[in-house]
C-alpha atoms as a PDB file:
ATOM      1  CA  MET A   1      26.423  -8.194  -2.423  1.00  0.00           C
ATOM      2  CA  SER A   2      27.026 -11.080  -4.751  1.00  0.00           C
ATOM      3  CA  ASP A   3      26.793 -14.709  -3.775  1.00  0.00           C
ATOM      4  CA  GLU A   4      30.037 -15.325  -5.624  1.00  0.00           C
ATOM      5  CA  THR A   5      33.549 -14.741  -4.412  1.00  0.00           C
ATOM      6  CA  THR A   6      35.941 -12.483  -6.322  1.00  0.00           C
ATOM      7  CA  ASN A   7      37.423 -15.428  -8.239  1.00  0.00           C
ATOM      8  CA  GLY A   8      34.014 -16.504  -9.548  1.00  0.00           C
ATOM      9  CA  ALA A   9      33.619 -19.536  -7.256  1.00  0.00           C
ATOM     10  CA  ALA A  10      30.276 -20.111  -5.602  1.00  0.00           C
ATOM     11  CA  ALA A  11      29.672 -18.768  -2.114  1.00  0.00           C
ATOM     12  CA  PRO A  12      30.344 -21.195   0.746  1.00  0.00           C
ATOM     13  CA  ALA A  13      27.547 -23.608   1.592  1.00  0.00           C
ATOM     14  CA  GLY A  14      25.083 -22.329   4.174  1.00  0.00           C
ATOM     15  CA  THR A  15      25.366 -18.651   3.233  1.00  0.00           C
ATOM     16  CA  GLN A  16      22.246 -16.762   2.288  1.00  0.00           C
ATOM     17  CA  PRO A  17      21.947 -15.711  -1.381  1.00  0.00           C
ATOM     18  CA  ALA A  18      21.698 -11.960  -1.925  1.00  0.00           C
ATOM     19  CA  VAL A  19      18.186 -10.508  -2.052  1.00  0.00           C
ATOM     20  CA  ARG A  20      17.358  -9.059  -5.420  1.00  0.00           C
ATOM     21  CA  MET A  21      14.292  -6.909  -5.958  1.00  0.00           C
ATOM     22  CA  GLN A  22      13.424  -4.989  -9.081  1.00  0.00           C
ATOM     23  CA  ILE A  23      10.286  -3.039  -9.975  1.00  0.00           C
ATOM     24  CA  LEU A  24       9.428  -4.228 -13.473  1.00  0.00           C
ATOM     25  CA  THR A  25       6.432  -1.956 -13.912  1.00  0.00           C
ATOM     26  CA  GLN A  26       3.984   0.081 -11.878  1.00  0.00           C
ATOM     27  CA  TYR A  27       0.534   1.276 -12.872  1.00  0.00           C
ATOM     28  CA  ILE A  28      -2.796   2.741 -11.853  1.00  0.00           C
ATOM     29  CA  ARG A  29      -5.272  -0.122 -11.740  1.00  0.00           C
ATOM     30  CA  ASP A  30      -8.290   1.944 -10.685  1.00  0.00           C
ATOM     31  CA  LEU A  31      -8.750   5.615  -9.912  1.00  0.00           C
ATOM     32  CA  SER A  32     -11.723   7.739  -8.901  1.00  0.00           C
ATOM     33  CA  PHE A  33     -12.325  11.144  -7.376  1.00  0.00           C
ATOM     34  CA  GLU A  34     -15.698  12.498  -6.281  1.00  0.00           C
ATOM     35  CA  ASN A  35     -16.071  16.163  -5.363  1.00  0.00           C
ATOM     36  CA  ALA A  36     -19.271  16.237  -3.285  1.00  0.00           C
ATOM     37  CA  VAL A  37     -18.888  19.921  -2.355  1.00  0.00           C
ATOM     38  CA  ALA A  38     -18.925  21.061  -5.992  1.00  0.00           C
ATOM     39  CA  GLN A  39     -21.943  18.866  -6.729  1.00  0.00           C
ATOM     40  CA  LYS A  40     -23.906  20.287  -3.779  1.00  0.00           C
ATOM     41  CA  GLY A  41     -22.750  23.862  -4.290  1.00  0.00           C
ATOM     42  CA  LEU A  42     -21.774  24.442  -0.651  1.00  0.00           C
ATOM     43  CA  PRO A  43     -19.772  27.599  -0.026  1.00  0.00           C
ATOM     44  CA  SER A  44     -16.240  26.741   1.093  1.00  0.00           C
ATOM     45  CA  GLY A  45     -16.602  28.863   4.269  1.00  0.00           C
ATOM     46  CA  GLU A  46     -19.047  26.326   5.707  1.00  0.00           C
ATOM     47  CA  VAL A  47     -16.662  23.396   5.307  1.00  0.00           C
ATOM     48  CA  GLN A  48     -14.404  22.128   8.111  1.00  0.00           C
ATOM     49  CA  PRO A  49     -12.714  19.034   6.661  1.00  0.00           C
ATOM     50  CA  GLU A  50     -11.842  15.833   8.511  1.00  0.00           C
ATOM     51  CA  ILE A  51      -9.746  13.449   6.431  1.00  0.00           C
ATOM     52  CA  SER A  52      -9.414   9.706   6.930  1.00  0.00           C
ATOM     53  CA  VAL A  53      -7.148   7.310   5.037  1.00  0.00           C
ATOM     54  CA  GLN A  54      -7.721   3.568   4.684  1.00  0.00           C
ATOM     55  CA  VAL A  55      -5.074   1.293   3.195  1.00  0.00           C
ATOM     56  CA  SER A  56      -5.306  -2.327   2.137  1.00  0.00           C
ATOM     57  CA  LEU A  57      -2.788  -4.526   0.358  1.00  0.00           C
ATOM     58  CA  ASP A  58      -2.867  -7.589  -1.833  1.00  0.00           C
ATOM     59  CA  ALA A  59      -0.094  -9.651  -3.423  1.00  0.00           C
ATOM     60  CA  ARG A  60      -0.075 -12.635  -5.722  1.00  0.00           C
ATOM     61  CA  LYS A  61       2.451 -14.796  -7.544  1.00  0.00           C
ATOM     62  CA  ARG A  62       2.552 -14.395 -11.311  1.00  0.00           C
ATOM     63  CA  THR A  63       3.099 -17.220 -13.757  1.00  0.00           C
ATOM     64  CA  THR A  64       6.648 -16.038 -14.516  1.00  0.00           C
ATOM     65  CA  GLU A  65       9.216 -17.341 -12.029  1.00  0.00           C
ATOM     66  CA  HIS A  66      10.183 -14.855  -9.274  1.00  0.00           C
ATOM     67  CA  GLN A  67       7.514 -12.333 -10.329  1.00  0.00           C
ATOM     68  CA  TYR A  68       4.820 -10.967  -8.033  1.00  0.00           C
ATOM     69  CA  GLU A  69       2.042  -8.418  -8.396  1.00  0.00           C
ATOM     70  CA  VAL A  70       1.404  -6.152  -5.406  1.00  0.00           C
ATOM     71  CA  ILE A  71      -1.681  -3.908  -5.254  1.00  0.00           C
ATOM     72  CA  SER A  72      -1.986  -1.038  -2.762  1.00  0.00           C
ATOM     73  CA  LYS A  73      -5.533   0.262  -2.289  1.00  0.00           C
ATOM     74  CA  PHE A  74      -5.994   3.723  -0.809  1.00  0.00           C
ATOM     75  CA  ARG A  75      -9.303   5.317   0.170  1.00  0.00           C
ATOM     76  CA  VAL A  76      -9.025   8.970   1.206  1.00  0.00           C
ATOM     77  CA  GLN A  77     -12.290  10.426   2.448  1.00  0.00           C
ATOM     78  CA  SER A  78     -13.002  13.933   3.657  1.00  0.00           C
ATOM     79  CA  VAL A  79     -16.150  14.871   5.553  1.00  0.00           C
ATOM     80  CA  ASN A  80     -17.357  18.107   7.071  1.00  0.00           C
ATOM     81  CA  ALA A  81     -16.618  18.065  10.823  1.00  0.00           C
ATOM     82  CA  ALA A  82     -19.829  19.942  11.604  1.00  0.00           C
ATOM     83  CA  ASP A  83     -22.377  17.566  10.043  1.00  0.00           C
ATOM     84  CA  LYS A  84     -20.284  14.639   8.655  1.00  0.00           C
ATOM     85  CA  SER A  85     -21.489  15.411   5.132  1.00  0.00           C
ATOM     86  CA  PRO A  86     -19.090  14.229   2.407  1.00  0.00           C
ATOM     87  CA  ILE A  87     -16.599  16.691   0.937  1.00  0.00           C
ATOM     88  CA  PHE A  88     -14.575  14.413  -1.344  1.00  0.00           C
ATOM     89  CA  LEU A  89     -13.720  10.778  -1.860  1.00  0.00           C
ATOM     90  CA  CYS A  90     -10.508   9.654  -3.562  1.00  0.00           C
ATOM     91  CA  GLU A  91      -9.896   5.979  -4.310  1.00  0.00           C
ATOM     92  CA  LEU A  92      -6.718   4.631  -5.879  1.00  0.00           C
ATOM     93  CA  ASP A  93      -5.638   1.067  -6.591  1.00  0.00           C
ATOM     94  CA  TYR A  94      -1.955   1.201  -7.524  1.00  0.00           C
ATOM     95  CA  GLY A  95      -0.044  -1.858  -8.648  1.00  0.00           C
ATOM     96  CA  GLY A  96       3.483  -2.947  -9.199  1.00  0.00           C
ATOM     97  CA  ILE A  97       5.070  -5.991 -10.790  1.00  0.00           C
ATOM     98  CA  PHE A  98       8.193  -7.041  -8.893  1.00  0.00           C
ATOM     99  CA  HIS A  99      10.997  -9.481  -9.606  1.00  0.00           C
ATOM    100  CA  VAL A 100      12.081 -10.893  -6.235  1.00  0.00           C
ATOM    101  CA  GLU A 101      14.855 -13.434  -5.661  1.00  0.00           C
ATOM    102  CA  GLY A 102      16.841 -14.575  -2.639  1.00  0.00           C
ATOM    103  CA  VAL A 103      14.091 -14.077  -0.047  1.00  0.00           C
ATOM    104  CA  PRO A 104      13.482 -17.218   2.044  1.00  0.00           C
ATOM    105  CA  GLU A 105       9.996 -18.660   1.535  1.00  0.00           C
ATOM    106  CA  GLU A 106       8.944 -17.977   5.154  1.00  0.00           C
ATOM    107  CA  GLN A 107       9.882 -14.289   4.732  1.00  0.00           C
ATOM    108  CA  LEU A 108       8.402 -13.766   1.274  1.00  0.00           C
ATOM    109  CA  HIS A 109       4.871 -12.770   2.357  1.00  0.00           C
ATOM    110  CA  PRO A 110       5.990 -10.020   4.761  1.00  0.00           C
ATOM    111  CA  PHE A 111       8.556  -8.864   2.180  1.00  0.00           C
ATOM    112  CA  LEU A 112       5.855  -8.504  -0.493  1.00  0.00           C
ATOM    113  CA  MET A 113       3.410  -6.791   1.894  1.00  0.00           C
ATOM    114  CA  ILE A 114       5.926  -4.377   3.462  1.00  0.00           C
ATOM    115  CA  GLU A 115       8.889  -3.658   1.186  1.00  0.00           C
ATOM    116  CA  CYS A 116       7.064  -3.621  -2.149  1.00  0.00           C
ATOM    117  CA  PRO A 117       4.313  -1.161  -1.073  1.00  0.00           C
ATOM    118  CA  ARG A 118       7.003   0.967   0.582  1.00  0.00           C
ATOM    119  CA  MET A 119       8.724   1.289  -2.803  1.00  0.00           C
ATOM    120  CA  LEU A 120       5.452   2.301  -4.505  1.00  0.00           C
ATOM    121  CA  PHE A 121       4.297   4.757  -1.817  1.00  0.00           C
ATOM    122  CA  PRO A 122       6.005   7.943  -3.120  1.00  0.00           C
ATOM    123  CA  PHE A 123       4.171   7.513  -6.436  1.00  0.00           C
ATOM    124  CA  VAL A 124       0.843   6.881  -4.689  1.00  0.00           C
ATOM    125  CA  ARG A 125       1.344   9.963  -2.527  1.00  0.00           C
ATOM    126  CA  ARG A 126       1.996  12.157  -5.568  1.00  0.00           C
ATOM    127  CA  ILE A 127      -1.069  10.842  -7.441  1.00  0.00           C
ATOM    128  CA  ILE A 128      -3.371  11.461  -4.456  1.00  0.00           C
ATOM    129  CA  SER A 129      -1.840  14.898  -3.930  1.00  0.00           C
ATOM    130  CA  ASP A 130      -2.431  15.795  -7.578  1.00  0.00           C
ATOM    131  CA  MET A 131      -5.984  14.423  -7.510  1.00  0.00           C
ATOM    132  CA  THR A 132      -7.035  16.482  -4.500  1.00  0.00           C
ATOM    133  CA  ARG A 133      -5.484  19.627  -5.980  1.00  0.00           C
ATOM    134  CA  ASP A 134      -6.987  18.992  -9.418  1.00  0.00           C
ATOM    135  CA  GLY A 135     -10.317  18.254  -7.706  1.00  0.00           C
ATOM    136  CA  GLY A 136     -10.423  21.831  -6.402  1.00  0.00           C
ATOM    137  CA  PHE A 137      -9.087  21.331  -2.877  1.00  0.00           C
ATOM    138  CA  PRO A 138      -5.844  22.194  -1.134  1.00  0.00           C
ATOM    139  CA  THR A 139      -3.162  19.612  -1.884  1.00  0.00           C
ATOM    140  CA  PHE A 140      -3.399  16.644   0.486  1.00  0.00           C
ATOM    141  CA  ASN A 141       0.086  15.385   1.341  1.00  0.00           C
ATOM    142  CA  MET A 142      -0.550  11.989   2.850  1.00  0.00           C
ATOM    143  CA  ASP A 143       1.609  11.062   5.836  1.00  0.00           C
ATOM    144  CA  PRO A 144       3.946   8.098   5.314  1.00  0.00           C
ATOM    145  CA  VAL A 145       2.302   4.719   5.920  1.00  0.00           C
ATOM    146  CA  ASP A 146       3.872   2.328   8.441  1.00  0.00           C
ATOM    147  CA  PHE A 147       3.601  -0.846   6.377  1.00  0.00           C
ATOM    148  CA  VAL A 148       5.172  -2.942   9.157  1.00  0.00           C
ATOM    149  CA  ALA A 149       2.404  -1.908  11.593  1.00  0.00           C
ATOM    150  CA  LEU A 150      -0.219  -2.436   8.879  1.00  0.00           C
ATOM    151  CA  TYR A 151       1.118  -5.948   8.228  1.00  0.00           C
ATOM    152  CA  ARG A 152       1.152  -6.827  11.945  1.00  0.00           C
ATOM    153  CA  GLN A 153      -2.388  -5.495  12.331  1.00  0.00           C
ATOM    154  CA  GLU A 154      -3.608  -7.657   9.445  1.00  0.00           C
ATOM    155  CA  ILE A 155      -1.897 -10.791  10.818  1.00  0.00           C
ATOM    156  CA  SER A 156      -3.471 -10.118  14.232  1.00  0.00           C
ATOM    157  CA  ARG A 157      -6.892  -9.642  12.618  1.00  0.00           C
ATOM    158  CA  ARG A 158      -6.536 -12.953  10.754  1.00  0.00           C
ATOM    159  CA  VAL A 159      -5.520 -14.803  13.935  1.00  0.00           C
ATOM    160  CA  GLN A 160      -8.551 -13.373  15.756  1.00  0.00           C
ATOM    161  CA  ALA A 161     -10.857 -14.354  12.882  1.00  0.00           C
ATOM    162  CA  GLU A 162      -9.559 -17.949  12.875  1.00  0.00           C
ATOM    163  CA  ARG A 163      -9.897 -18.418  16.645  1.00  0.00           C
ATOM    164  CA  PRO A 164     -13.125 -20.142  17.742  1.00  0.00           C
ATOM    165  CA  ALA A 165     -15.418 -17.837  19.711  1.00  0.00           C
ATOM    166  CA  ASP A 166     -15.190 -19.973  22.874  1.00  0.00           C
ATOM    167  CA  GLN A 167     -11.359 -20.164  22.885  1.00  0.00           C
ATOM    168  CA  PRO A 168      -9.763 -17.815  25.447  1.00  0.00           C
ATOM    169  CA  LEU A 169      -6.898 -15.491  24.549  1.00  0.00           C
ATOM    170  CA  SER A 170      -3.453 -16.785  25.487  1.00  0.00           C
END
């Protein structure tokens, strides 16, 4: 929606300007894959994989007006269920540069930490899938990430960290 009426006049006072988001660029910032099974020479019949995924996010304002850099960090680790020995480790830092306008200041942080990573996720998923396959393993199709829950969890963790140890929970 535009914040202008059909005759070109400005929108009435008090109305919210339209949110505009554009991905200007996206890129791999860091990438690594370690195949521990191939290095150790374990036969594949002895391996019962357990896979864990850790996600962390970071965002920062760029010097250009309305531009932000968002980095999604994924750590996918597989260990053998029997003895917890490593099978593979995949680490990916994936970034995007976004142009964001029309988001109120108090909503900008959650917008950057939820909506921007959500837009990048399909690309991250494909890269990790390709890396596991190219690393000699069955393709790992990562489940979608709930970035809203991840954001809430991080806010809760920060609140807990800032609370003095002797202060009771409300």
